[in-house]
Amino acid sequence: MTKRSNMRRKAPIFRLNASSGVDYSKITENIEIKEAIIEETITAITDGISKNKKSTSIFEIANSNYYIELERTKWKSTLENVIQYYINKEDYNTCIKCRKLIEKL
């Protein structure tokens, strides 16, 4: 059995089918999409910290081999934004998890 830390994280594929004429700014307001992105961002940063990466892939865009990347220099500010999001939701356990990640940077 291979230890999880030695396994390479595969960025999930982000696929979105929107109807013609849809305002894409409304997509970011969709709570399910927003939470999926935030949760995957936490996972990607956790992986990046544990493997001492300079950047991490959040998502692959629809099997295109194009990735949404987040540079290490942006991890702290991203996690701080995530903490604010979870404070508003009163999910303090996730806030603590993110704070611990920031301490590791």
N, C-alpha and C. Protein backbone atom coordinates (compact mmCIF):
# COMPACT_ATOMS: atom_id res chain seq x y z
N MET A 1 0.85 -1.17 0.00
CA MET A 1 0.00 0.00 0.00
C MET A 1 0.90 1.24 0.00
N THR A 2 0.52 2.24 -0.79
CA THR A 2 1.28 3.47 -0.89
C THR A 2 0.73 4.50 0.08
N LYS A 3 1.64 5.20 0.77
CA LYS A 3 1.20 6.25 1.67
C LYS A 3 0.57 7.37 0.86
N ARG A 4 -0.45 7.97 1.39
CA ARG A 4 -1.15 9.06 0.70
C ARG A 4 -0.22 10.23 0.40
N SER A 5 0.72 10.54 1.29
CA SER A 5 1.61 11.69 1.09
C SER A 5 2.52 11.50 -0.11
N ASN A 6 2.75 10.26 -0.52
CA ASN A 6 3.59 10.00 -1.68
C ASN A 6 2.79 10.01 -2.98
N MET A 7 1.49 9.98 -2.86
CA MET A 7 0.65 9.95 -4.05
C MET A 7 0.47 11.37 -4.58
N ARG A 8 0.42 11.49 -5.88
CA ARG A 8 0.21 12.79 -6.49
C ARG A 8 -1.28 13.11 -6.48
N ARG A 9 -1.59 14.32 -6.05
CA ARG A 9 -2.98 14.77 -6.04
C ARG A 9 -3.40 15.09 -7.46
N LYS A 10 -4.52 14.55 -7.87
CA LYS A 10 -5.06 14.84 -9.20
C LYS A 10 -6.11 15.91 -9.03
N ALA A 11 -5.88 17.04 -9.69
CA ALA A 11 -6.85 18.13 -9.62
C ALA A 11 -8.16 17.68 -10.25
N PRO A 12 -9.27 17.92 -9.58
CA PRO A 12 -10.56 17.52 -10.15
C PRO A 12 -10.87 18.33 -11.41
N ILE A 13 -11.72 17.77 -12.23
CA ILE A 13 -12.12 18.43 -13.47
C ILE A 13 -13.33 19.29 -13.18
N PHE A 14 -13.24 20.55 -13.58
CA PHE A 14 -14.34 21.49 -13.40
C PHE A 14 -15.04 21.65 -14.74
N ARG A 15 -16.28 21.22 -14.78
CA ARG A 15 -17.09 21.28 -15.99
C ARG A 15 -18.37 22.04 -15.67
N LEU A 16 -18.74 22.93 -16.55
CA LEU A 16 -19.93 23.72 -16.32
C LEU A 16 -20.66 23.90 -17.63
N ASN A 17 -21.91 23.52 -17.65
CA ASN A 17 -22.75 23.73 -18.82
C ASN A 17 -23.74 24.84 -18.49
N ALA A 18 -23.60 25.94 -19.22
CA ALA A 18 -24.50 27.07 -19.00
C ALA A 18 -25.30 27.33 -20.26
N SER A 19 -26.52 27.73 -20.06
CA SER A 19 -27.39 28.04 -21.20
C SER A 19 -26.89 29.28 -21.92
N SER A 20 -27.25 29.38 -23.16
CA SER A 20 -26.90 30.54 -23.97
C SER A 20 -27.45 31.81 -23.31
N GLY A 21 -26.62 32.84 -23.25
CA GLY A 21 -27.05 34.11 -22.69
C GLY A 21 -26.93 34.21 -21.18
N VAL A 22 -26.39 33.17 -20.53
CA VAL A 22 -26.25 33.20 -19.08
C VAL A 22 -25.15 34.18 -18.71
N ASP A 23 -25.40 34.99 -17.71
CA ASP A 23 -24.41 35.92 -17.19
C ASP A 23 -23.47 35.13 -16.28
N TYR A 24 -22.22 34.99 -16.71
CA TYR A 24 -21.28 34.16 -15.96
C TYR A 24 -20.98 34.72 -14.57
N SER A 25 -21.20 35.99 -14.35
CA SER A 25 -20.99 36.53 -13.00
C SER A 25 -22.00 35.91 -12.02
N LYS A 26 -23.13 35.46 -12.51
CA LYS A 26 -24.14 34.82 -11.65
C LYS A 26 -23.69 33.43 -11.21
N ILE A 27 -22.82 32.82 -12.00
CA ILE A 27 -22.33 31.48 -11.67
C ILE A 27 -21.56 31.51 -10.36
N THR A 28 -20.77 32.55 -10.15
CA THR A 28 -19.98 32.64 -8.92
C THR A 28 -20.85 32.88 -7.70
N GLU A 29 -22.08 33.29 -7.91
CA GLU A 29 -23.00 33.49 -6.80
C GLU A 29 -23.70 32.20 -6.39
N ASN A 30 -23.60 31.16 -7.20
CA ASN A 30 -24.21 29.87 -6.90
C ASN A 30 -23.47 29.25 -5.73
N ILE A 31 -24.18 28.99 -4.64
CA ILE A 31 -23.56 28.52 -3.41
C ILE A 31 -22.87 27.17 -3.57
N GLU A 32 -23.45 26.26 -4.36
CA GLU A 32 -22.83 24.94 -4.54
C GLU A 32 -21.50 25.07 -5.28
N ILE A 33 -21.48 25.90 -6.29
CA ILE A 33 -20.23 26.10 -7.05
C ILE A 33 -19.19 26.78 -6.17
N LYS A 34 -19.61 27.82 -5.47
CA LYS A 34 -18.70 28.56 -4.59
C LYS A 34 -18.09 27.63 -3.54
N GLU A 35 -18.91 26.83 -2.91
CA GLU A 35 -18.41 25.94 -1.86
C GLU A 35 -17.51 24.85 -2.41
N ALA A 36 -17.82 24.34 -3.59
CA ALA A 36 -16.95 23.33 -4.21
C ALA A 36 -15.58 23.91 -4.50
N ILE A 37 -15.55 25.13 -4.99
CA ILE A 37 -14.28 25.79 -5.29
C ILE A 37 -13.50 26.05 -4.00
N ILE A 38 -14.17 26.54 -2.99
CA ILE A 38 -13.50 26.83 -1.72
C ILE A 38 -12.96 25.56 -1.09
N GLU A 39 -13.75 24.52 -1.04
CA GLU A 39 -13.31 23.25 -0.44
C GLU A 39 -12.12 22.67 -1.20
N GLU A 40 -12.17 22.74 -2.52
CA GLU A 40 -11.06 22.20 -3.31
C GLU A 40 -9.81 23.07 -3.17
N THR A 41 -10.00 24.35 -2.96
CA THR A 41 -8.86 25.24 -2.73
C THR A 41 -8.15 24.87 -1.44
N ILE A 42 -8.91 24.60 -0.39
CA ILE A 42 -8.31 24.17 0.88
C ILE A 42 -7.54 22.87 0.68
N THR A 43 -8.13 21.92 -0.03
CA THR A 43 -7.47 20.64 -0.28
C THR A 43 -6.18 20.84 -1.07
N ALA A 44 -6.23 21.68 -2.09
CA ALA A 44 -5.06 21.91 -2.94
C ALA A 44 -3.94 22.60 -2.15
N ILE A 45 -4.29 23.58 -1.34
CA ILE A 45 -3.27 24.27 -0.54
C ILE A 45 -2.68 23.33 0.50
N THR A 46 -3.51 22.50 1.11
CA THR A 46 -3.02 21.50 2.07
C THR A 46 -1.99 20.60 1.39
N ASP A 47 -2.31 20.13 0.20
CA ASP A 47 -1.40 19.29 -0.57
C ASP A 47 -0.12 20.06 -0.91
N GLY A 48 -0.27 21.30 -1.33
CA GLY A 48 0.90 22.11 -1.68
C GLY A 48 1.83 22.34 -0.51
N ILE A 49 1.27 22.58 0.66
CA ILE A 49 2.08 22.77 1.86
C ILE A 49 2.82 21.49 2.22
N SER A 50 2.10 20.37 2.21
CA SER A 50 2.71 19.10 2.62
C SER A 50 3.82 18.66 1.67
N LYS A 51 3.74 19.11 0.42
CA LYS A 51 4.75 18.72 -0.58
C LYS A 51 5.68 19.87 -0.94
N ASN A 52 5.59 20.97 -0.19
CA ASN A 52 6.45 22.13 -0.36
C ASN A 52 6.48 22.62 -1.81
N LYS A 53 5.31 22.74 -2.40
CA LYS A 53 5.19 23.18 -3.79
C LYS A 53 5.24 24.70 -3.88
N LYS A 54 5.59 25.19 -5.07
CA LYS A 54 5.59 26.63 -5.33
C LYS A 54 4.24 27.10 -5.84
N SER A 55 3.44 26.17 -6.34
CA SER A 55 2.08 26.45 -6.78
C SER A 55 1.29 25.15 -6.70
N THR A 56 -0.02 25.28 -6.77
CA THR A 56 -0.87 24.09 -6.73
C THR A 56 -2.01 24.25 -7.72
N SER A 57 -2.44 23.14 -8.30
CA SER A 57 -3.57 23.15 -9.23
C SER A 57 -4.86 22.97 -8.46
N ILE A 58 -5.79 23.89 -8.69
CA ILE A 58 -7.08 23.80 -8.02
C ILE A 58 -8.02 22.90 -8.82
N PHE A 59 -8.15 23.20 -10.12
CA PHE A 59 -9.01 22.44 -11.01
C PHE A 59 -8.39 22.32 -12.39
N GLU A 60 -8.78 21.27 -13.09
CA GLU A 60 -8.53 21.18 -14.52
C GLU A 60 -9.82 21.64 -15.19
N ILE A 61 -9.69 22.43 -16.23
CA ILE A 61 -10.86 22.94 -16.94
C ILE A 61 -11.32 21.90 -17.96
N ALA A 62 -12.41 21.23 -17.69
CA ALA A 62 -13.13 20.32 -18.60
C ALA A 62 -12.25 19.45 -19.48
N ASN A 63 -11.37 18.65 -18.89
CA ASN A 63 -10.50 17.73 -19.63
C ASN A 63 -9.69 18.41 -20.72
N SER A 64 -9.24 19.62 -20.46
CA SER A 64 -8.54 20.40 -21.48
C SER A 64 -7.03 20.44 -21.30
N ASN A 65 -6.53 19.90 -20.21
CA ASN A 65 -5.13 20.02 -19.82
C ASN A 65 -4.76 21.46 -19.46
N TYR A 66 -5.75 22.31 -19.23
CA TYR A 66 -5.54 23.65 -18.70
C TYR A 66 -6.01 23.64 -17.25
N TYR A 67 -5.18 24.22 -16.38
CA TYR A 67 -5.44 24.15 -14.95
C TYR A 67 -5.56 25.54 -14.35
N ILE A 68 -6.38 25.65 -13.34
CA ILE A 68 -6.43 26.85 -12.52
C ILE A 68 -5.36 26.63 -11.46
N GLU A 69 -4.33 27.45 -11.50
CA GLU A 69 -3.20 27.33 -10.59
C GLU A 69 -3.24 28.45 -9.56
N LEU A 70 -2.73 28.16 -8.39
CA LEU A 70 -2.61 29.16 -7.34
C LEU A 70 -1.17 29.16 -6.85
N GLU A 71 -0.49 30.28 -7.03
CA GLU A 71 0.91 30.42 -6.60
C GLU A 71 0.99 30.46 -5.07
N ARG A 72 2.07 29.93 -4.54
CA ARG A 72 2.27 29.89 -3.09
C ARG A 72 2.17 31.28 -2.46
N THR A 73 2.61 32.30 -3.16
CA THR A 73 2.55 33.66 -2.62
C THR A 73 1.12 34.13 -2.37
N LYS A 74 0.15 33.47 -2.97
CA LYS A 74 -1.27 33.83 -2.81
C LYS A 74 -2.00 32.95 -1.81
N TRP A 75 -1.34 31.92 -1.29
CA TRP A 75 -2.02 30.97 -0.41
C TRP A 75 -2.52 31.63 0.88
N LYS A 76 -1.69 32.46 1.50
CA LYS A 76 -2.08 33.08 2.77
C LYS A 76 -3.31 33.96 2.58
N SER A 77 -3.28 34.84 1.59
CA SER A 77 -4.42 35.74 1.38
C SER A 77 -5.67 34.95 0.97
N THR A 78 -5.48 33.89 0.21
CA THR A 78 -6.62 33.04 -0.17
C THR A 78 -7.23 32.39 1.07
N LEU A 79 -6.39 31.85 1.93
CA LEU A 79 -6.90 31.22 3.16
C LEU A 79 -7.56 32.24 4.08
N GLU A 80 -7.03 33.45 4.12
CA GLU A 80 -7.67 34.49 4.92
C GLU A 80 -9.07 34.81 4.38
N ASN A 81 -9.23 34.83 3.06
CA ASN A 81 -10.55 35.04 2.46
C ASN A 81 -11.48 33.87 2.77
N VAL A 82 -10.93 32.67 2.74
CA VAL A 82 -11.72 31.48 3.06
C VAL A 82 -12.18 31.54 4.52
N ILE A 83 -11.30 31.98 5.40
CA ILE A 83 -11.67 32.11 6.81
C ILE A 83 -12.84 33.07 6.96
N GLN A 84 -12.79 34.21 6.27
CA GLN A 84 -13.89 35.17 6.34
C GLN A 84 -15.21 34.55 5.86
N TYR A 85 -15.11 33.76 4.79
CA TYR A 85 -16.31 33.08 4.27
C TYR A 85 -16.90 32.16 5.34
N TYR A 86 -16.03 31.37 5.99
CA TYR A 86 -16.53 30.42 6.98
C TYR A 86 -16.93 31.08 8.30
N ILE A 87 -16.36 32.24 8.61
CA ILE A 87 -16.83 33.00 9.78
C ILE A 87 -18.29 33.40 9.56
N ASN A 88 -18.57 33.88 8.35
CA ASN A 88 -19.94 34.28 8.02
C ASN A 88 -20.91 33.10 8.10
N LYS A 89 -20.41 31.89 7.82
CA LYS A 89 -21.25 30.69 7.91
C LYS A 89 -21.23 30.09 9.32
N GLU A 90 -20.43 30.68 10.19
CA GLU A 90 -20.24 30.19 11.56
C GLU A 90 -19.70 28.76 11.60
N ASP A 91 -18.84 28.44 10.62
CA ASP A 91 -18.16 27.14 10.58
C ASP A 91 -16.75 27.35 11.12
N TYR A 92 -16.65 27.38 12.43
CA TYR A 92 -15.40 27.72 13.07
C TYR A 92 -14.36 26.61 13.00
N ASN A 93 -14.79 25.36 12.84
CA ASN A 93 -13.84 24.26 12.70
C ASN A 93 -13.02 24.43 11.43
N THR A 94 -13.68 24.83 10.35
CA THR A 94 -12.95 25.05 9.10
C THR A 94 -12.05 26.27 9.23
N CYS A 95 -12.50 27.28 9.96
CA CYS A 95 -11.65 28.46 10.21
C CYS A 95 -10.36 28.05 10.92
N ILE A 96 -10.49 27.19 11.91
CA ILE A 96 -9.32 26.71 12.65
C ILE A 96 -8.39 25.93 11.73
N LYS A 97 -8.96 25.08 10.89
CA LYS A 97 -8.17 24.31 9.93
C LYS A 97 -7.38 25.25 9.02
N CYS A 98 -8.02 26.28 8.53
CA CYS A 98 -7.35 27.24 7.64
C CYS A 98 -6.28 28.03 8.38
N ARG A 99 -6.55 28.41 9.62
CA ARG A 99 -5.58 29.15 10.42
C ARG A 99 -4.33 28.29 10.63
N LYS A 100 -4.51 26.99 10.87
CA LYS A 100 -3.36 26.08 11.05
C LYS A 100 -2.56 25.98 9.76
N LEU A 101 -3.24 26.00 8.62
CA LEU A 101 -2.53 25.98 7.34
C LEU A 101 -1.70 27.24 7.17
N ILE A 102 -2.26 28.38 7.53
CA ILE A 102 -1.51 29.64 7.43
C ILE A 102 -0.26 29.60 8.31
N GLU A 103 -0.38 29.02 9.49
CA GLU A 103 0.76 28.91 10.40
C GLU A 103 1.89 28.05 9.81
N LYS A 104 1.55 27.14 8.92
CA LYS A 104 2.56 26.28 8.29
C LYS A 104 3.28 26.95 7.13
N LEU A 105 2.74 28.07 6.67
CA LEU A 105 3.36 28.75 5.53
C LEU A 105 4.63 29.48 5.92
